[in-house]
């Protein structure tokens, strides 16, 4: 039920959150932040080159099921996002668009779905707050154009949890069509990042089912076993095919990537509390607003209980007086946070799928407390201040990132790659890349693999090679082994962890 403004509440303050002009201004700002936060675009951090290379290999070598990394190791992620990038490239013929569109489209879709769900359930003001919570934090704009799987996974996980939320809210039983939708979404999640989808949903489902045990209120978060088992079976078919057909798949993917995440020897482990402070920081100011409203809701529930007020016989009750669909949002987000915290291997962006349910929880808490006459004005005031401050806070973050990246010349290798390709086309050169530490360099130069200096020297002498791109420290050796090789004047450097690495184009 949409929140209704109680009598005595200032209509002027209500209109700030419900005005269409505010909605469009916030939506436009978020769209701009999604597009510019990672400028200038490059592939030199956060394993972006590994993800980008999957679609590059699909298009150039037709490896649709299992791909490799630029250094010829086995790619550890299932291929769905790579398929999307490859199909995008077939339409746009632009790798920059193809690599980044899956994340950007996922971010925009999540924004729209979240805003519509909150608006339909809780009203226009709640919809605006939900949109602001998702778009105006330190995680969403950063991940919106990164060449990674985090945003597509978050979209699919949210659609799964949203189906559960709607079933609980509408008190509807699960039908065959609903289970089929869950199966399709679970399969998509499996083919994006594997069974990690279980960690984001199953703990919340178990917690909610335990909370509503013994009740006949007609709410059920569990859709049945077969969608979960059937989607896992499809993922296991992909794994078994890799083990059978791809050399090194078992060691690099099964043992190191999957099993290794649960140990403390392969990947760098982090303490169990690692995600909580990072989530408070990255999701500010909304995390602070959520905690503040939770405290107020708890106090209000105690006041109501002291007055002997009740929700009625047979109704589901929660410590904060929230309805079942809000309890599901709490179980969903907290369950995912706890499950991910128990896995020793951690990185901040991996917790991102808990952010969308937290955004919807902002709307639910706002709608719940604005129905209390003595709290409505205060909650609206807090929410409006949080929205306005978040606009400036996130914009300053995006601007700071852009300025820092520009000063560091993070796009140097991107521009260098474009220059090399242009010169090679003009001079009709056959060129290769000598192995370096920058995996993105292969993609900037549109090459499938690095070559060893000895191989380059053989091809040079056979005159099947006209130019090479090489690290600066390899130049003396290459000029000694490849007579007539000279620097062309095109070069670029990139700084990684304080270390400068320089690359040079050499030609006949």
Protein backbone atom coordinates (compact mmCIF):
# COMPACT_ATOMS: atom_id res chain seq x y z
CA UNK A 1 0.00 0.00 0.00
CA UNK A 2 1.40 3.42 -0.94
CA UNK A 3 2.22 5.68 1.96
CA UNK A 4 -0.43 8.38 2.52
CA UNK A 5 0.53 11.72 3.98
CA UNK A 6 -1.03 12.05 7.45
CA UNK A 7 -2.87 15.19 8.45
CA UNK A 8 -0.66 17.96 9.77
CA UNK A 9 2.39 16.97 7.69
CA UNK A 10 3.93 19.82 5.75
CA UNK A 11 2.88 19.46 2.10
CA UNK A 12 5.84 21.60 1.07
CA UNK A 13 8.33 19.06 2.45
CA UNK A 14 6.36 16.17 1.01
CA UNK A 15 6.41 17.78 -2.44
CA UNK A 16 10.23 17.97 -2.43
CA UNK A 17 10.43 14.19 -2.58
CA UNK A 18 7.37 13.72 -4.79
CA UNK A 19 7.95 16.44 -7.36
CA UNK A 20 8.56 15.10 -10.88
CA UNK A 21 11.29 17.65 -11.52
CA UNK A 22 13.26 16.23 -8.57
CA UNK A 23 12.84 12.71 -9.97
CA UNK A 24 14.18 13.72 -13.38
CA UNK A 25 17.06 15.73 -11.92
CA UNK A 26 18.19 12.81 -9.76
CA UNK A 27 17.76 10.32 -12.62
CA UNK A 28 19.80 12.51 -14.97
CA UNK A 29 22.55 12.99 -12.40
CA UNK A 30 22.78 9.25 -11.77
CA UNK A 31 22.94 8.50 -15.51
CA UNK A 32 25.79 11.00 -15.89
CA UNK A 33 27.66 9.56 -12.91
CA UNK A 34 27.27 6.04 -14.27
CA UNK A 35 28.80 7.15 -17.56
CA UNK A 36 31.71 9.29 -16.36
CA UNK A 37 32.99 7.88 -13.05
CA UNK A 38 35.46 5.49 -14.72
CA UNK A 39 36.67 7.93 -17.39
CA UNK A 40 39.11 7.66 -19.01
CA UNK A 41 38.19 4.05 -19.78
CA UNK A 42 40.98 1.48 -19.59
CA UNK A 43 41.49 -2.17 -18.62
CA UNK A 44 44.51 -1.90 -16.33
CA UNK A 45 42.91 -2.72 -12.95
CA UNK A 46 40.30 -4.91 -11.22
CA UNK A 47 40.93 -7.81 -13.63
CA UNK A 48 39.02 -5.99 -16.37
CA UNK A 49 41.38 -7.28 -19.04
CA UNK A 50 40.63 -10.88 -18.08
CA UNK A 51 36.89 -10.35 -18.47
CA UNK A 52 37.26 -8.35 -21.70
CA UNK A 53 39.48 -11.01 -23.22
CA UNK A 54 36.75 -13.66 -22.97
CA UNK A 55 34.53 -11.96 -25.56
CA UNK A 56 37.56 -11.03 -27.69
CA UNK A 57 38.49 -14.72 -27.82
CA UNK A 58 34.90 -15.75 -28.56
CA UNK A 59 34.72 -13.45 -31.59
CA UNK A 60 38.19 -14.22 -32.94
CA UNK A 61 38.53 -17.92 -32.17
CA UNK A 62 34.98 -19.13 -31.57
CA UNK A 63 35.58 -20.46 -28.05
CA UNK A 64 32.01 -20.05 -26.80
CA UNK A 65 32.05 -22.37 -23.79
CA UNK A 66 35.49 -21.94 -22.21
CA UNK A 67 37.89 -19.07 -22.69
CA UNK A 68 41.35 -18.00 -21.53
CA UNK A 69 43.05 -14.97 -20.00
CA UNK A 70 45.55 -12.78 -21.91
CA UNK A 71 48.39 -14.78 -20.32
CA UNK A 72 46.86 -18.01 -21.68
CA UNK A 73 45.51 -19.32 -18.40
CA UNK A 74 41.97 -20.67 -18.21
CA UNK A 75 39.25 -18.05 -17.65
CA UNK A 76 37.62 -18.74 -14.30
CA UNK A 77 34.17 -17.21 -14.88
CA UNK A 78 31.29 -18.87 -16.75
CA UNK A 79 30.72 -17.33 -20.18
CA UNK A 80 27.33 -15.54 -20.14
CA UNK A 81 28.67 -11.98 -19.84
CA UNK A 82 31.28 -12.78 -22.49
CA UNK A 83 28.47 -13.96 -24.78
CA UNK A 84 26.63 -10.67 -24.25
CA UNK A 85 29.75 -8.65 -25.09
CA UNK A 86 30.43 -10.75 -28.19
CA UNK A 87 26.86 -10.28 -29.43
CA UNK A 88 27.06 -6.55 -28.70
CA UNK A 89 30.26 -6.31 -30.74
CA UNK A 90 28.60 -8.07 -33.67
CA UNK A 91 26.05 -5.23 -33.72
CA UNK A 92 28.14 -2.17 -32.77
CA UNK A 93 31.60 -3.20 -34.08
CA UNK A 94 33.04 -1.31 -31.12
CA UNK A 95 34.94 -3.19 -28.43
CA UNK A 96 34.71 -0.32 -25.94
CA UNK A 97 30.91 -0.43 -26.14
CA UNK A 98 30.78 -4.23 -26.22
CA UNK A 99 32.92 -4.64 -23.10
CA UNK A 100 31.14 -2.06 -20.97
CA UNK A 101 27.52 -2.22 -22.14
CA UNK A 102 26.56 -5.35 -20.11
CA UNK A 103 27.47 -3.59 -16.85
CA UNK A 104 25.97 -0.25 -17.87
CA UNK A 105 22.75 -1.84 -19.13
CA UNK A 106 22.55 -3.88 -15.92
CA UNK A 107 22.97 -0.74 -13.79
CA UNK A 108 20.29 1.21 -15.66
CA UNK A 109 17.90 -1.76 -15.62
CA UNK A 110 18.42 -2.20 -11.88
CA UNK A 111 17.78 1.51 -11.35
CA UNK A 112 14.49 1.37 -13.26
CA UNK A 113 13.26 -1.88 -11.69
CA UNK A 114 14.10 -0.67 -8.18
CA UNK A 115 12.41 2.69 -8.66
CA UNK A 116 9.26 1.12 -10.17
CA UNK A 117 9.00 -1.50 -7.41
CA UNK A 118 9.38 1.07 -4.64
CA UNK A 119 7.03 3.57 -6.31
CA UNK A 120 4.35 0.94 -6.86
CA UNK A 121 4.55 -0.36 -3.30
CA UNK A 122 5.30 2.70 -1.22
CA UNK A 123 4.64 5.84 -3.28
CA UNK A 124 6.52 8.43 -5.32
CA UNK A 125 8.71 9.72 -2.47
CA UNK A 126 9.89 6.21 -1.60
CA UNK A 127 10.60 5.53 -5.28
CA UNK A 128 12.81 8.61 -5.51
CA UNK A 129 14.69 7.65 -2.35
CA UNK A 130 15.26 4.11 -3.64
CA UNK A 131 16.60 5.43 -6.92
CA UNK A 132 18.89 7.80 -5.04
CA UNK A 133 20.09 5.06 -2.71
CA UNK A 134 21.08 2.83 -5.63
CA UNK A 135 22.66 5.47 -7.84
CA UNK A 136 24.20 7.84 -5.30
CA UNK A 137 26.71 5.76 -3.37
CA UNK A 138 30.38 4.83 -3.85
CA UNK A 139 29.77 1.38 -5.37
CA UNK A 140 27.15 1.69 -8.13
CA UNK A 141 28.76 4.47 -10.23
CA UNK A 142 32.14 2.71 -9.96
CA UNK A 143 30.80 -0.67 -11.12
CA UNK A 144 28.45 0.73 -13.78
CA UNK A 145 31.06 0.72 -16.56
CA UNK A 146 33.72 -1.62 -15.19
CA UNK A 147 34.36 -4.62 -17.43
CA UNK A 148 33.32 -7.09 -14.75
CA UNK A 149 30.49 -9.45 -13.86
CA UNK A 150 29.40 -7.78 -10.59
CA UNK A 151 26.64 -5.56 -12.00
CA UNK A 152 25.00 -8.24 -14.22
CA UNK A 153 25.08 -10.65 -11.28
CA UNK A 154 23.52 -8.05 -8.97
CA UNK A 155 20.71 -7.50 -11.49
CA UNK A 156 19.86 -11.21 -11.72
CA UNK A 157 20.10 -11.74 -7.93
CA UNK A 158 17.81 -8.77 -7.38
CA UNK A 159 15.23 -10.05 -9.88
CA UNK A 160 15.23 -13.38 -8.02
CA UNK A 161 14.75 -11.73 -4.64
CA UNK A 162 12.16 -9.35 -6.06
CA UNK A 163 10.03 -12.30 -7.21
CA UNK A 164 10.11 -13.63 -3.65
CA UNK A 165 9.24 -10.15 -2.30
CA UNK A 166 6.22 -9.87 -4.58
CA UNK A 167 4.96 -13.33 -3.62
CA UNK A 168 5.22 -12.46 0.07
CA UNK A 169 3.67 -9.03 -0.36
CA UNK A 170 0.72 -10.26 -2.45
CA UNK A 171 0.26 -13.45 -0.36
CA UNK A 172 0.29 -15.51 -3.56
CA UNK A 173 1.26 -19.19 -3.83
CA UNK A 174 4.04 -20.25 -6.16
CA UNK A 175 2.82 -21.45 -9.56
CA UNK A 176 4.60 -23.42 -12.29
CA UNK A 177 5.17 -20.22 -14.29
CA UNK A 178 6.80 -18.57 -11.26
CA UNK A 179 9.13 -21.53 -10.75
CA UNK A 180 10.08 -21.48 -14.43
CA UNK A 181 11.01 -17.79 -14.14
CA UNK A 182 13.11 -18.58 -11.07
CA UNK A 183 14.83 -21.41 -12.96
CA UNK A 184 15.72 -19.12 -15.89
CA UNK A 185 17.08 -16.42 -13.57
CA UNK A 186 19.02 -18.92 -11.45
CA UNK A 187 20.54 -20.42 -14.58
CA UNK A 188 21.58 -16.96 -15.75
CA UNK A 189 23.21 -16.29 -12.36
CA UNK A 190 25.03 -19.64 -12.53
CA UNK A 191 26.38 -18.79 -15.99
CA UNK A 192 27.54 -15.37 -14.80
CA UNK A 193 29.41 -16.28 -11.64
CA UNK A 194 28.52 -19.79 -10.53
CA UNK A 195 26.81 -20.97 -7.32
CA UNK A 196 27.68 -17.78 -5.42
CA UNK A 197 24.03 -16.84 -6.07
CA UNK A 198 23.15 -19.35 -3.31
CA UNK A 199 25.05 -17.25 -0.76
CA UNK A 200 23.02 -14.15 -1.57
CA UNK A 201 19.58 -15.77 -1.42
CA UNK A 202 19.39 -19.09 0.44
CA UNK A 203 20.41 -17.78 3.92
CA UNK A 204 17.70 -15.11 3.68
CA UNK A 205 15.10 -17.65 2.55
CA UNK A 206 15.98 -19.98 5.43
CA UNK A 207 15.83 -17.10 7.93
CA UNK A 208 12.46 -15.89 6.63
CA UNK A 209 10.94 -19.39 6.62
CA UNK A 210 12.12 -19.87 10.21
CA UNK A 211 10.65 -16.49 11.20
CA UNK A 212 7.20 -17.28 9.78
CA UNK A 213 7.13 -20.90 11.02
CA UNK A 214 3.79 -22.07 12.42
CA UNK A 215 1.93 -19.19 10.80
CA UNK A 216 -1.01 -19.51 8.44
CA UNK A 217 -0.59 -16.01 7.04
CA UNK A 218 -0.08 -17.37 3.49
CA UNK A 219 3.45 -16.07 2.95
CA UNK A 220 6.15 -18.31 1.52
CA UNK A 221 9.65 -17.42 0.32
CA UNK A 222 10.46 -20.90 -0.97
CA UNK A 223 9.62 -21.67 -4.60
CA UNK A 224 10.52 -25.35 -4.42
CA UNK A 225 13.60 -27.44 -5.04
CA UNK A 226 13.66 -28.07 -8.77
CA UNK A 227 14.62 -24.52 -10.03
CA UNK A 228 17.67 -24.55 -7.74
CA UNK A 229 18.76 -28.10 -8.59
CA UNK A 230 18.12 -27.84 -12.35
CA UNK A 231 20.11 -24.59 -12.67
CA UNK A 232 22.98 -26.08 -10.67
CA UNK A 233 22.93 -29.11 -12.96
CA UNK A 234 23.42 -26.87 -16.01
CA UNK A 235 26.37 -25.18 -14.32
CA UNK A 236 27.88 -28.57 -13.44
CA UNK A 237 27.60 -29.63 -17.09
CA UNK A 238 29.73 -26.59 -18.00
CA UNK A 239 32.23 -27.51 -15.28
CA UNK A 240 32.46 -31.16 -16.33
CA UNK A 241 32.94 -30.15 -19.96
CA UNK A 242 35.82 -27.90 -18.89
CA UNK A 243 37.42 -30.65 -16.84
CA UNK A 244 37.12 -33.08 -19.75
CA UNK A 245 38.15 -30.84 -22.64
CA UNK A 246 40.22 -27.89 -21.37
CA UNK A 247 43.78 -28.53 -20.10
CA UNK A 248 44.35 -26.94 -16.70
CA UNK A 249 40.64 -26.30 -16.03
CA UNK A 250 40.46 -28.56 -12.99
CA UNK A 251 43.53 -27.06 -11.31
CA UNK A 252 42.92 -23.40 -12.19
CA UNK A 253 39.12 -23.20 -11.98
CA UNK A 254 37.81 -26.02 -9.78
CA UNK A 255 40.62 -26.17 -7.21
CA UNK A 256 41.98 -22.63 -7.23
CA UNK A 257 38.96 -20.46 -8.09
CA UNK A 258 36.08 -22.37 -6.45
CA UNK A 259 37.52 -24.57 -3.71
CA UNK A 260 40.34 -22.11 -2.97
CA UNK A 261 37.85 -19.38 -1.98
CA UNK A 262 36.97 -21.38 1.14
CA UNK A 263 40.55 -21.88 2.26
CA UNK A 264 43.20 -19.53 3.58
CA UNK A 265 46.18 -20.56 1.48
CA UNK A 266 45.32 -19.86 -2.18
CA UNK A 267 43.57 -16.48 -1.96
CA UNK A 268 44.37 -13.76 0.51
CA UNK A 269 41.92 -14.21 3.42
CA UNK A 270 40.22 -11.31 5.20
CA UNK A 271 38.68 -11.16 8.70
CA UNK A 272 35.03 -12.06 9.11
CA UNK A 273 34.04 -8.43 9.80
CA UNK A 274 35.69 -7.18 6.58
CA UNK A 275 32.50 -6.46 4.62
CA UNK A 276 30.46 -4.68 7.29
CA UNK A 277 32.57 -1.51 7.72
CA UNK A 278 33.24 -1.38 3.99
CA UNK A 279 29.51 -1.59 3.28
CA UNK A 280 28.76 1.16 5.80
CA UNK A 281 31.35 3.34 4.05
CA UNK A 282 30.56 2.51 0.41
CA UNK A 283 26.79 2.70 0.94
CA UNK A 284 26.89 5.98 2.88
CA UNK A 285 24.82 8.05 3.46
CA UNK A 286 22.06 5.50 3.03
CA UNK A 287 23.62 3.04 5.44
CA UNK A 288 23.52 5.72 8.13
CA UNK A 289 19.90 6.55 7.28
CA UNK A 290 18.96 2.86 7.44
CA UNK A 291 20.53 2.45 10.87
CA UNK A 292 18.91 5.66 12.15
CA UNK A 293 15.45 4.64 10.95
CA UNK A 294 15.90 1.14 12.40
CA UNK A 295 16.64 2.65 15.81
CA UNK A 296 13.55 4.87 15.58
CA UNK A 297 11.42 1.92 14.43
CA UNK A 298 12.65 -0.15 17.36
CA UNK A 299 11.72 2.56 19.84
CA UNK A 300 8.33 3.03 18.19
CA UNK A 301 7.65 -0.71 18.43
CA UNK A 302 8.49 -0.66 22.15
CA UNK A 303 6.10 2.26 22.66
CA UNK A 304 3.37 0.41 20.80
CA UNK A 305 3.92 -2.74 22.83
CA UNK A 306 3.84 -0.80 26.09
CA UNK A 307 0.43 0.55 25.06
CA UNK A 308 -0.77 -2.99 24.45
CA UNK A 309 -1.29 -2.41 20.73
CA UNK A 310 -1.31 -5.55 18.60
CA UNK A 311 -1.43 -6.47 14.94
CA UNK A 312 -4.25 -8.91 15.56
CA UNK A 313 -4.52 -12.62 16.21
CA UNK A 314 -2.78 -14.92 13.77
CA UNK A 315 -0.78 -12.11 12.16
CA UNK A 316 2.94 -12.32 11.69
CA UNK A 317 4.82 -10.05 14.08
CA UNK A 318 8.32 -8.64 13.90
CA UNK A 319 10.37 -6.94 16.61
CA UNK A 320 10.17 -3.63 14.70
CA UNK A 321 6.55 -3.91 13.66
CA UNK A 322 7.46 -4.36 9.98
CA UNK A 323 5.19 -6.33 7.59
CA UNK A 324 6.40 -9.70 6.19
CA UNK A 325 7.71 -8.24 2.90
CA UNK A 326 9.94 -5.86 4.83
CA UNK A 327 11.16 -8.70 7.02
CA UNK A 328 12.08 -10.55 3.82
CA UNK A 329 14.20 -7.57 2.68
CA UNK A 330 16.02 -7.65 6.02
CA UNK A 331 16.56 -11.42 5.89
CA UNK A 332 17.68 -11.20 2.25
CA UNK A 333 20.27 -8.44 2.69
CA UNK A 334 21.58 -9.48 6.11
CA UNK A 335 21.65 -13.16 5.12
CA UNK A 336 23.75 -12.37 2.05
CA UNK A 337 26.10 -10.20 4.09
CA UNK A 338 26.60 -12.91 6.72
CA UNK A 339 27.11 -15.70 4.17
CA UNK A 340 29.68 -13.72 2.19
CA UNK A 341 31.45 -12.75 5.42
CA UNK A 342 31.96 -16.43 6.27
CA UNK A 343 33.92 -16.99 3.02
CA UNK A 344 37.60 -16.25 3.79
CA UNK A 345 38.41 -14.79 0.35
CA UNK A 346 36.88 -11.30 0.19
CA UNK A 347 36.91 -8.21 -2.01
CA UNK A 348 34.69 -5.16 -1.59
CA UNK A 349 32.92 -5.37 -4.96
CA UNK A 350 31.79 -8.97 -4.31
CA UNK A 351 29.28 -7.79 -1.70
CA UNK A 352 27.50 -5.51 -4.19
CA UNK A 353 24.42 -7.76 -4.74
CA UNK A 354 23.24 -6.94 -1.20
CA UNK A 355 23.01 -3.23 -2.10
CA UNK A 356 19.78 -3.36 -4.21
CA UNK A 357 17.68 -5.03 -1.46
CA UNK A 358 19.06 -2.49 1.00
CA UNK A 359 17.86 0.26 -1.38
CA UNK A 360 14.35 -1.24 -1.40
CA UNK A 361 14.58 -1.53 2.38
CA UNK A 362 15.16 2.24 2.53
CA UNK A 363 11.81 2.71 0.78
CA UNK A 364 10.04 0.19 3.02
CA UNK A 365 11.31 1.79 6.23
CA UNK A 366 10.46 5.27 4.94
CA UNK A 367 6.89 4.22 4.09
CA UNK A 368 6.47 2.43 7.43
CA UNK A 369 7.56 5.33 9.60
CA UNK A 370 5.86 8.10 7.61
CA UNK A 371 2.55 6.51 8.60
CA UNK A 372 3.33 7.45 12.20
CA UNK A 373 1.99 10.99 12.76
CA UNK A 374 4.62 11.94 15.32
CA UNK A 375 7.51 10.64 13.17
CA UNK A 376 6.49 11.45 9.60
CA UNK A 377 7.88 14.98 9.38
CA UNK A 378 11.19 14.00 10.97
CA UNK A 379 11.69 10.97 8.69
CA UNK A 380 10.88 13.02 5.58
CA UNK A 381 13.34 15.68 6.68
CA UNK A 382 16.12 13.14 7.26
CA UNK A 383 15.44 11.47 3.93
CA UNK A 384 15.43 14.71 1.96
CA UNK A 385 18.69 15.80 3.57
CA UNK A 386 20.27 12.41 2.84
CA UNK A 387 19.21 12.61 -0.83
CA UNK A 388 20.54 16.14 -1.33
CA UNK A 389 23.80 15.42 0.47
CA UNK A 390 24.25 12.16 -1.47
CA UNK A 391 23.97 14.08 -4.75
CA UNK A 392 26.92 16.28 -3.79
CA UNK A 393 28.88 13.51 -2.06
CA UNK A 394 28.73 11.05 -4.97
CA UNK A 395 29.33 13.77 -7.55
CA UNK A 396 32.45 14.88 -5.67
CA UNK A 397 33.64 11.27 -5.56
CA UNK A 398 33.16 10.82 -9.32
CA UNK A 399 34.89 14.13 -10.07
CA UNK A 400 37.81 13.26 -7.80
CA UNK A 401 38.23 9.89 -9.51
CA UNK A 402 38.21 11.49 -12.96
CA UNK A 403 40.76 14.15 -11.99
CA UNK A 404 43.07 11.62 -10.35
CA UNK A 405 42.86 9.26 -13.32
CA UNK A 406 43.49 12.09 -15.78
CA UNK A 407 46.53 13.35 -13.86
CA UNK A 408 47.92 9.82 -13.68
CA UNK A 409 47.36 9.47 -17.45
CA UNK A 410 45.62 6.15 -16.93
CA UNK A 411 44.56 6.08 -20.59
CA UNK A 412 48.16 6.22 -21.86
CA UNK A 413 48.22 2.60 -23.04
CA UNK A 414 44.78 2.97 -24.63
CA UNK A 415 46.00 5.90 -26.73
CA UNK A 416 49.25 4.09 -27.44
CA UNK A 417 47.35 1.05 -28.72
CA UNK A 418 45.24 3.23 -31.02
CA UNK A 419 48.41 4.89 -32.37
CA UNK A 420 50.09 1.55 -33.05
CA UNK A 421 47.04 0.20 -34.85
CA UNK A 422 46.81 3.34 -36.96
CA UNK A 423 50.50 3.22 -37.95
CA UNK A 424 50.35 -0.51 -38.65
CA UNK A 425 47.36 -0.01 -40.94
CA UNK A 426 48.98 2.92 -42.77
CA UNK A 427 52.29 1.06 -43.27
CA UNK A 428 50.74 -2.40 -43.73
CA UNK A 429 52.87 -3.79 -40.92
CA UNK A 430 52.61 -7.26 -39.47
CA UNK A 431 53.17 -6.60 -35.76
CA UNK A 432 53.18 -8.53 -32.49
CA UNK A 433 53.43 -7.82 -28.75
CA UNK A 434 56.32 -9.04 -26.61
CA UNK A 435 55.06 -10.37 -23.27
CA UNK A 436 54.62 -7.77 -20.56
CA UNK A 437 52.76 -7.42 -17.26
CA UNK A 438 49.85 -5.35 -18.65
CA UNK A 439 47.22 -7.81 -19.83
CA UNK A 440 45.14 -4.98 -21.27
CA UNK A 441 47.89 -4.17 -23.75
CA UNK A 442 46.92 -7.18 -25.87
CA UNK A 443 43.37 -5.86 -26.14
CA UNK A 444 44.45 -2.30 -26.89
CA UNK A 445 46.51 -3.71 -29.77
CA UNK A 446 43.80 -6.21 -30.78
CA UNK A 447 46.09 -9.23 -30.48
CA UNK A 448 45.19 -12.66 -29.12
CA UNK A 449 48.45 -13.58 -27.41
CA UNK A 450 51.88 -12.33 -26.46
CA UNK A 451 54.90 -13.69 -28.34
CA UNK A 452 58.24 -14.62 -26.85
CA UNK A 453 61.35 -12.67 -27.91
CA UNK A 454 62.86 -15.77 -29.55
CA UNK A 455 59.75 -16.29 -31.68
CA UNK A 456 59.71 -12.62 -32.64
CA UNK A 457 63.39 -12.81 -33.67
CA UNK A 458 62.73 -15.85 -35.89
CA UNK A 459 59.81 -14.16 -37.62
CA UNK A 460 61.82 -10.95 -37.99
CA UNK A 461 64.60 -12.77 -39.80
CA UNK A 462 62.03 -14.57 -41.97
CA UNK A 463 60.56 -11.11 -42.79
CA UNK A 464 57.05 -12.13 -41.67
CA UNK A 465 57.18 -9.51 -38.91
CA UNK A 466 57.55 -5.77 -39.46
CA UNK A 467 57.12 -4.27 -35.98
CA UNK A 468 56.89 -5.21 -32.30
CA UNK A 469 55.60 -3.59 -29.15
CA UNK A 470 57.85 -4.41 -26.22
CA UNK A 471 58.64 -3.39 -22.64
CA UNK A 472 61.47 -0.86 -22.46
CA UNK A 473 63.75 -3.27 -20.59
CA UNK A 474 63.59 -5.71 -23.53
CA UNK A 475 64.75 -3.17 -26.15
CA UNK A 476 68.55 -3.77 -25.93
CA UNK A 477 68.11 -7.53 -26.27
CA UNK A 478 65.63 -7.21 -29.15
CA UNK A 479 67.80 -4.76 -31.10
CA UNK A 480 70.74 -7.14 -30.74
CA UNK A 481 68.75 -10.17 -31.94
CA UNK A 482 66.72 -8.38 -34.62
CA UNK A 483 69.04 -6.38 -36.92
CA UNK A 484 67.47 -3.24 -38.32
CA UNK A 485 64.93 -2.89 -35.52
CA UNK A 486 64.59 0.74 -34.45
CA UNK A 487 62.28 2.71 -32.11
CA UNK A 488 59.49 4.35 -34.12
CA UNK A 489 58.92 7.20 -31.69
CA UNK A 490 55.62 5.85 -30.35
CA UNK A 491 55.75 4.92 -26.69
CA UNK A 492 53.71 5.10 -23.50
CA UNK A 493 54.07 4.36 -19.81
CA UNK A 494 51.70 3.34 -17.06
CA UNK A 495 52.20 3.48 -13.30
CA UNK A 496 51.00 0.45 -11.32
CA UNK A 497 51.48 0.43 -7.53
CA UNK A 498 54.09 3.17 -7.84
CA UNK A 499 56.10 1.29 -10.47
CA UNK A 500 56.48 2.86 -13.93
CA UNK A 501 56.30 0.48 -16.88
CA UNK A 502 57.17 1.78 -20.37
CA UNK A 503 56.26 0.23 -23.70
CA UNK A 504 57.77 1.14 -27.08
CA UNK A 505 56.85 0.44 -30.70
CA UNK A 506 59.86 -0.73 -32.74
CA UNK A 507 59.85 -1.27 -36.50
CA UNK A 508 62.14 -1.80 -39.48
